[in-house]
């Protein structure tokens, strides 16, 4: 038995491996959720001054909207606070969506686990670039 993120790998009766869900409401997971959410909020709030090892990626679709739109979109990502259970089921605050000029914008934060600690990547994209 070993853990993968929020799940535990367990051996099944047939000898294969399967995933068993972990209770996310225990003290450890609540602290972990709060820590992840805080780090993700800090990353977003640092826009436009995100520094290594963290990175911000802006897709071609967003860039094609022009520099003024890019700045407005980044400002909206920075102050985003409309997290819902549908978009943020684990409370990590690592995904959001909104509309800009009638286009749906997605942003996501992924932890790429860099050697020197967290390597968070904030990606801002058009929904159809997902």
N, C-alpha and C. Protein backbone atom coordinates (compact mmCIF):
# COMPACT_ATOMS: atom_id res chain seq x y z
N UNK A 1 0.85 -1.17 0.00
CA UNK A 1 0.00 0.00 0.00
C UNK A 1 0.90 1.24 0.00
N UNK A 2 0.64 2.20 -0.89
CA UNK A 2 1.37 3.46 -0.92
C UNK A 2 0.44 4.54 -1.45
N UNK A 3 0.82 5.80 -1.17
CA UNK A 3 -0.05 6.92 -1.52
C UNK A 3 0.35 7.55 -2.85
N UNK A 4 -0.65 7.99 -3.58
CA UNK A 4 -0.48 8.81 -4.78
C UNK A 4 -1.43 9.97 -4.63
N UNK A 5 -0.91 11.12 -4.27
CA UNK A 5 -1.76 12.29 -4.06
C UNK A 5 -2.80 12.02 -3.00
N UNK A 6 -4.07 12.15 -3.37
CA UNK A 6 -5.17 11.97 -2.42
C UNK A 6 -5.62 10.52 -2.32
N UNK A 7 -4.95 9.62 -2.99
CA UNK A 7 -5.39 8.23 -3.04
C UNK A 7 -4.32 7.30 -2.50
N UNK A 8 -4.75 6.12 -2.08
CA UNK A 8 -3.84 5.09 -1.63
C UNK A 8 -3.92 3.93 -2.61
N UNK A 9 -2.76 3.45 -3.07
CA UNK A 9 -2.73 2.27 -3.93
C UNK A 9 -2.85 1.05 -3.02
N UNK A 10 -3.77 0.17 -3.32
CA UNK A 10 -3.97 -1.05 -2.54
C UNK A 10 -3.97 -2.24 -3.48
N UNK A 11 -3.52 -3.39 -2.97
CA UNK A 11 -3.52 -4.60 -3.78
C UNK A 11 -4.91 -5.21 -3.74
N UNK A 12 -5.43 -5.55 -4.91
CA UNK A 12 -6.76 -6.16 -4.97
C UNK A 12 -6.64 -7.67 -4.76
N UNK A 13 -7.77 -8.33 -4.60
CA UNK A 13 -7.77 -9.78 -4.37
C UNK A 13 -7.19 -10.54 -5.56
N UNK A 14 -7.21 -9.95 -6.75
CA UNK A 14 -6.65 -10.61 -7.93
C UNK A 14 -5.16 -10.35 -8.08
N UNK A 15 -4.58 -9.59 -7.16
CA UNK A 15 -3.15 -9.31 -7.20
C UNK A 15 -2.80 -8.01 -7.91
N UNK A 16 -3.77 -7.37 -8.56
CA UNK A 16 -3.53 -6.09 -9.22
C UNK A 16 -3.58 -4.95 -8.23
N UNK A 17 -3.31 -3.76 -8.72
CA UNK A 17 -3.37 -2.57 -7.87
C UNK A 17 -4.63 -1.79 -8.17
N UNK A 18 -5.18 -1.16 -7.15
CA UNK A 18 -6.35 -0.32 -7.31
C UNK A 18 -6.21 0.90 -6.43
N UNK A 19 -7.07 1.88 -6.64
CA UNK A 19 -7.04 3.10 -5.85
C UNK A 19 -8.13 3.07 -4.79
N UNK A 20 -7.78 3.46 -3.58
CA UNK A 20 -8.76 3.60 -2.50
C UNK A 20 -8.80 5.08 -2.14
N UNK A 21 -9.99 5.64 -2.03
CA UNK A 21 -10.13 7.06 -1.73
C UNK A 21 -9.74 7.35 -0.28
N UNK A 22 -9.10 8.47 -0.06
CA UNK A 22 -8.67 8.91 1.26
C UNK A 22 -9.66 9.94 1.79
N UNK A 23 -9.94 9.89 3.07
CA UNK A 23 -10.79 10.90 3.71
C UNK A 23 -10.06 12.24 3.69
N UNK A 24 -10.62 13.21 2.96
CA UNK A 24 -9.97 14.51 2.83
C UNK A 24 -10.30 15.46 3.97
N UNK A 25 -11.08 15.00 4.93
CA UNK A 25 -11.49 15.87 6.03
C UNK A 25 -10.73 15.62 7.32
N UNK A 26 -9.67 14.80 7.25
CA UNK A 26 -8.87 14.63 8.46
C UNK A 26 -7.95 15.84 8.62
N UNK A 27 -7.36 15.97 9.78
CA UNK A 27 -6.56 17.16 10.10
C UNK A 27 -5.41 17.37 9.12
N UNK A 28 -4.71 16.30 8.77
CA UNK A 28 -3.57 16.40 7.86
C UNK A 28 -4.02 16.97 6.51
N UNK A 29 -5.08 16.41 5.93
CA UNK A 29 -5.52 16.84 4.61
C UNK A 29 -6.12 18.24 4.62
N UNK A 30 -6.72 18.62 5.71
CA UNK A 30 -7.23 19.99 5.82
C UNK A 30 -6.07 20.98 5.82
N UNK A 31 -5.01 20.67 6.59
CA UNK A 31 -3.82 21.54 6.61
C UNK A 31 -3.16 21.58 5.24
N UNK A 32 -3.06 20.42 4.60
CA UNK A 32 -2.45 20.35 3.27
C UNK A 32 -3.26 21.17 2.27
N UNK A 33 -4.58 21.02 2.28
CA UNK A 33 -5.46 21.79 1.39
C UNK A 33 -5.26 23.29 1.60
N UNK A 34 -5.23 23.71 2.87
CA UNK A 34 -5.08 25.13 3.17
C UNK A 34 -3.72 25.66 2.73
N UNK A 35 -2.67 24.84 2.86
CA UNK A 35 -1.33 25.24 2.43
C UNK A 35 -1.28 25.39 0.92
N UNK A 36 -1.83 24.42 0.20
CA UNK A 36 -1.84 24.48 -1.26
C UNK A 36 -2.63 25.70 -1.73
N UNK A 37 -3.80 25.93 -1.15
CA UNK A 37 -4.63 27.08 -1.53
C UNK A 37 -3.88 28.38 -1.29
N UNK A 38 -3.19 28.47 -0.15
CA UNK A 38 -2.43 29.69 0.18
C UNK A 38 -1.32 29.93 -0.85
N UNK A 39 -0.58 28.87 -1.20
CA UNK A 39 0.50 29.01 -2.18
C UNK A 39 -0.05 29.42 -3.54
N UNK A 40 -1.17 28.84 -3.94
CA UNK A 40 -1.77 29.20 -5.22
C UNK A 40 -2.27 30.64 -5.22
N UNK A 41 -2.88 31.06 -4.12
CA UNK A 41 -3.32 32.46 -4.00
C UNK A 41 -2.12 33.41 -4.06
N UNK A 42 -1.05 33.07 -3.35
CA UNK A 42 0.15 33.93 -3.36
C UNK A 42 0.72 34.05 -4.76
N UNK A 43 0.73 32.94 -5.50
CA UNK A 43 1.23 32.99 -6.87
C UNK A 43 0.38 33.93 -7.72
N UNK A 44 -0.94 33.77 -7.68
CA UNK A 44 -1.82 34.63 -8.47
C UNK A 44 -1.69 36.09 -8.06
N UNK A 45 -1.63 36.33 -6.77
CA UNK A 45 -1.55 37.71 -6.27
C UNK A 45 -0.22 38.38 -6.62
N UNK A 46 0.79 37.58 -6.99
CA UNK A 46 2.10 38.16 -7.35
C UNK A 46 2.16 38.59 -8.82
N UNK A 47 1.10 38.33 -9.59
CA UNK A 47 1.08 38.77 -10.99
C UNK A 47 1.26 40.29 -11.03
N UNK A 48 2.12 40.88 -11.84
CA UNK A 48 2.90 40.29 -12.91
C UNK A 48 4.32 39.91 -12.50
N UNK A 49 4.61 39.91 -11.21
CA UNK A 49 5.98 39.71 -10.74
C UNK A 49 6.26 38.27 -10.32
N UNK A 50 5.74 37.29 -11.05
CA UNK A 50 6.00 35.88 -10.74
C UNK A 50 7.46 35.60 -11.03
N UNK A 51 8.14 34.99 -10.06
CA UNK A 51 9.58 34.75 -10.20
C UNK A 51 9.89 33.26 -10.16
N UNK A 52 11.05 32.90 -10.72
CA UNK A 52 11.50 31.51 -10.73
C UNK A 52 11.62 31.01 -9.30
N UNK A 53 11.34 29.75 -9.03
CA UNK A 53 11.11 28.67 -10.00
C UNK A 53 9.70 28.64 -10.56
N UNK A 54 8.84 29.56 -10.16
CA UNK A 54 7.46 29.57 -10.66
C UNK A 54 7.40 30.29 -12.01
N UNK A 55 6.39 29.93 -12.79
CA UNK A 55 6.30 30.41 -14.17
C UNK A 55 4.86 30.78 -14.49
N UNK A 56 4.68 31.77 -15.35
CA UNK A 56 3.36 32.06 -15.92
C UNK A 56 3.44 31.80 -17.42
N UNK A 57 2.45 31.07 -17.92
CA UNK A 57 2.36 30.78 -19.35
C UNK A 57 1.08 31.42 -19.88
N UNK A 58 1.22 32.18 -20.95
CA UNK A 58 0.07 32.80 -21.60
C UNK A 58 0.02 32.21 -23.01
N UNK A 59 -1.09 31.58 -23.34
CA UNK A 59 -1.19 30.87 -24.61
C UNK A 59 -1.29 31.83 -25.79
N UNK A 60 -1.10 31.28 -26.98
CA UNK A 60 -1.18 32.07 -28.21
C UNK A 60 -2.56 32.70 -28.38
N UNK A 61 -3.60 31.97 -28.00
CA UNK A 61 -4.95 32.52 -28.12
C UNK A 61 -5.15 33.76 -27.28
N UNK A 62 -4.62 33.75 -26.07
CA UNK A 62 -4.72 34.93 -25.20
C UNK A 62 -3.88 36.07 -25.77
N UNK A 63 -2.65 35.76 -26.18
CA UNK A 63 -1.77 36.79 -26.74
C UNK A 63 -2.38 37.44 -27.98
N UNK A 64 -3.12 36.64 -28.77
CA UNK A 64 -3.70 37.18 -30.01
C UNK A 64 -4.79 38.22 -29.74
N UNK A 65 -5.25 38.31 -28.50
CA UNK A 65 -6.28 39.30 -28.15
C UNK A 65 -5.69 40.69 -27.96
N UNK A 66 -4.36 40.79 -27.97
CA UNK A 66 -3.70 42.09 -27.86
C UNK A 66 -3.24 42.39 -26.45
N UNK A 67 -2.22 43.28 -26.32
CA UNK A 67 -1.61 43.56 -25.02
C UNK A 67 -2.57 44.13 -23.99
N UNK A 68 -3.50 44.97 -24.42
CA UNK A 68 -4.45 45.55 -23.46
C UNK A 68 -5.34 44.46 -22.87
N UNK A 69 -5.81 43.56 -23.70
CA UNK A 69 -6.64 42.45 -23.20
C UNK A 69 -5.83 41.53 -22.30
N UNK A 70 -4.59 41.26 -22.67
CA UNK A 70 -3.74 40.40 -21.83
C UNK A 70 -3.63 41.00 -20.43
N UNK A 71 -3.39 42.30 -20.35
CA UNK A 71 -3.27 42.95 -19.04
C UNK A 71 -4.57 42.87 -18.24
N UNK A 72 -5.70 43.09 -18.91
CA UNK A 72 -6.99 43.00 -18.22
C UNK A 72 -7.27 41.58 -17.74
N UNK A 73 -6.95 40.60 -18.57
CA UNK A 73 -7.16 39.20 -18.20
C UNK A 73 -6.29 38.83 -17.01
N UNK A 74 -5.02 39.22 -17.04
CA UNK A 74 -4.12 38.91 -15.92
C UNK A 74 -4.60 39.57 -14.63
N UNK A 75 -5.12 40.78 -14.75
CA UNK A 75 -5.67 41.45 -13.57
C UNK A 75 -6.84 40.65 -12.99
N UNK A 76 -7.68 40.12 -13.86
CA UNK A 76 -8.84 39.33 -13.40
C UNK A 76 -8.39 38.02 -12.76
N UNK A 77 -7.35 37.39 -13.32
CA UNK A 77 -6.80 36.17 -12.71
C UNK A 77 -6.26 36.50 -11.33
N UNK A 78 -5.55 37.60 -11.22
CA UNK A 78 -4.93 38.02 -9.96
C UNK A 78 -5.94 38.17 -8.84
N UNK A 79 -7.10 38.73 -9.13
CA UNK A 79 -8.08 39.02 -8.08
C UNK A 79 -9.24 38.01 -8.05
N UNK A 80 -9.14 36.96 -8.84
CA UNK A 80 -10.22 35.98 -8.95
C UNK A 80 -10.57 35.42 -7.57
N UNK A 81 -11.87 35.34 -7.28
CA UNK A 81 -12.30 34.80 -5.98
C UNK A 81 -13.60 34.00 -6.06
N UNK A 82 -14.10 33.75 -7.26
CA UNK A 82 -15.38 33.05 -7.42
C UNK A 82 -15.18 31.54 -7.55
N UNK A 83 -14.56 30.94 -6.55
CA UNK A 83 -14.33 29.50 -6.57
C UNK A 83 -15.61 28.77 -6.17
N UNK A 84 -15.93 27.72 -6.91
CA UNK A 84 -17.12 26.93 -6.61
C UNK A 84 -16.72 25.47 -6.41
N UNK A 85 -17.61 24.70 -5.85
CA UNK A 85 -17.36 23.27 -5.68
C UNK A 85 -17.17 22.55 -7.00
N UNK A 86 -17.81 23.05 -8.06
CA UNK A 86 -17.66 22.42 -9.38
C UNK A 86 -16.27 22.66 -9.95
N UNK A 87 -15.77 23.88 -9.83
CA UNK A 87 -14.46 24.22 -10.40
C UNK A 87 -13.31 23.94 -9.44
N UNK A 88 -13.60 23.84 -8.16
CA UNK A 88 -12.55 23.72 -7.14
C UNK A 88 -12.96 22.69 -6.08
N UNK A 89 -13.16 21.42 -6.48
CA UNK A 89 -13.71 20.43 -5.55
C UNK A 89 -12.82 20.13 -4.35
N UNK A 90 -11.51 20.34 -4.47
CA UNK A 90 -10.60 20.02 -3.37
C UNK A 90 -10.18 21.25 -2.58
N UNK A 91 -10.66 22.43 -2.96
CA UNK A 91 -10.35 23.64 -2.22
C UNK A 91 -8.93 24.15 -2.44
N UNK A 92 -8.28 23.76 -3.54
CA UNK A 92 -6.90 24.17 -3.80
C UNK A 92 -6.80 25.53 -4.49
N UNK A 93 -7.91 26.04 -4.97
CA UNK A 93 -7.94 27.33 -5.68
C UNK A 93 -6.91 27.38 -6.81
N UNK A 94 -6.93 26.31 -7.63
CA UNK A 94 -5.96 26.19 -8.71
C UNK A 94 -6.60 26.24 -10.11
N UNK A 95 -7.88 26.64 -10.18
CA UNK A 95 -8.55 26.75 -11.47
C UNK A 95 -9.63 27.82 -11.39
N UNK A 96 -9.78 28.55 -12.47
CA UNK A 96 -10.86 29.52 -12.54
C UNK A 96 -11.25 29.78 -13.98
N UNK A 97 -12.44 30.29 -14.17
CA UNK A 97 -12.87 30.67 -15.51
C UNK A 97 -13.75 31.91 -15.42
N UNK A 98 -13.70 32.70 -16.48
CA UNK A 98 -14.51 33.91 -16.59
C UNK A 98 -14.57 34.28 -18.06
N UNK A 99 -15.39 35.25 -18.38
CA UNK A 99 -15.52 35.70 -19.77
C UNK A 99 -14.84 37.06 -19.93
N UNK A 100 -14.19 37.21 -21.08
CA UNK A 100 -13.59 38.48 -21.47
C UNK A 100 -13.90 38.65 -22.96
N UNK A 101 -14.55 39.74 -23.30
CA UNK A 101 -14.95 39.99 -24.70
C UNK A 101 -15.70 38.80 -25.29
N UNK A 102 -16.62 38.27 -24.54
CA UNK A 102 -17.48 37.15 -24.95
C UNK A 102 -16.73 35.84 -25.16
N UNK A 103 -15.47 35.78 -24.74
CA UNK A 103 -14.69 34.54 -24.84
C UNK A 103 -14.47 34.00 -23.45
N UNK A 104 -14.60 32.68 -23.32
CA UNK A 104 -14.38 32.05 -22.03
C UNK A 104 -12.88 31.87 -21.81
N UNK A 105 -12.40 32.35 -20.67
CA UNK A 105 -10.99 32.29 -20.29
C UNK A 105 -10.85 31.27 -19.16
N UNK A 106 -9.88 30.38 -19.29
CA UNK A 106 -9.52 29.45 -18.22
C UNK A 106 -8.15 29.83 -17.70
N UNK A 107 -7.94 29.61 -16.42
CA UNK A 107 -6.59 29.65 -15.86
C UNK A 107 -6.45 28.45 -14.93
N UNK A 108 -5.25 27.93 -14.86
CA UNK A 108 -4.99 26.78 -14.01
C UNK A 108 -3.59 26.89 -13.43
N UNK A 109 -3.41 26.35 -12.23
CA UNK A 109 -2.09 26.31 -11.60
C UNK A 109 -1.75 24.84 -11.40
N UNK A 110 -0.58 24.45 -11.89
CA UNK A 110 -0.10 23.08 -11.74
C UNK A 110 1.21 23.09 -10.99
N UNK A 111 1.39 22.12 -10.11
CA UNK A 111 2.64 21.96 -9.37
C UNK A 111 3.48 20.94 -10.11
N UNK A 112 4.55 21.41 -10.75
CA UNK A 112 5.42 20.53 -11.53
C UNK A 112 6.53 19.93 -10.69
N UNK A 113 6.55 20.20 -9.39
CA UNK A 113 7.48 19.57 -8.46
C UNK A 113 8.94 19.72 -8.82
N UNK A 114 9.38 20.94 -8.98
CA UNK A 114 10.77 21.20 -9.31
C UNK A 114 11.72 20.75 -8.21
N UNK A 115 12.98 20.55 -8.57
CA UNK A 115 13.98 20.06 -7.63
C UNK A 115 14.17 21.00 -6.44
N UNK A 116 14.02 22.28 -6.65
CA UNK A 116 14.26 23.26 -5.59
C UNK A 116 12.96 23.64 -4.88
N UNK A 117 12.09 22.68 -4.71
CA UNK A 117 10.82 22.96 -4.04
C UNK A 117 9.71 23.08 -5.06
N UNK A 118 8.71 23.83 -4.72
CA UNK A 118 7.57 23.96 -5.62
C UNK A 118 7.95 24.69 -6.89
N UNK A 119 7.47 24.19 -7.98
CA UNK A 119 7.62 24.83 -9.27
C UNK A 119 6.21 24.97 -9.82
N UNK A 120 5.55 26.05 -9.47
CA UNK A 120 4.16 26.26 -9.86
C UNK A 120 4.10 26.92 -11.23
N UNK A 121 3.22 26.40 -12.07
CA UNK A 121 3.03 26.93 -13.41
C UNK A 121 1.60 27.43 -13.52
N UNK A 122 1.43 28.73 -13.72
CA UNK A 122 0.13 29.34 -13.93
C UNK A 122 -0.07 29.49 -15.43
N UNK A 123 -1.07 28.82 -15.96
CA UNK A 123 -1.37 28.89 -17.39
C UNK A 123 -2.69 29.62 -17.60
N UNK A 124 -2.68 30.60 -18.49
CA UNK A 124 -3.88 31.36 -18.84
C UNK A 124 -4.18 31.07 -20.30
N UNK A 125 -5.42 30.63 -20.59
CA UNK A 125 -5.75 30.17 -21.94
C UNK A 125 -7.20 30.45 -22.29
N UNK A 126 -7.49 30.42 -23.57
CA UNK A 126 -8.87 30.41 -24.03
C UNK A 126 -9.43 29.02 -23.74
N UNK A 127 -10.71 28.93 -23.45
CA UNK A 127 -11.32 27.64 -23.13
C UNK A 127 -11.12 26.64 -24.26
N UNK A 128 -11.17 27.09 -25.50
CA UNK A 128 -11.01 26.14 -26.61
C UNK A 128 -9.56 25.72 -26.83
N UNK A 129 -8.63 26.27 -26.04
CA UNK A 129 -7.24 25.81 -26.09
C UNK A 129 -6.98 24.70 -25.08
N UNK A 130 -7.97 24.42 -24.25
CA UNK A 130 -7.83 23.39 -23.22
C UNK A 130 -7.58 22.11 -23.91
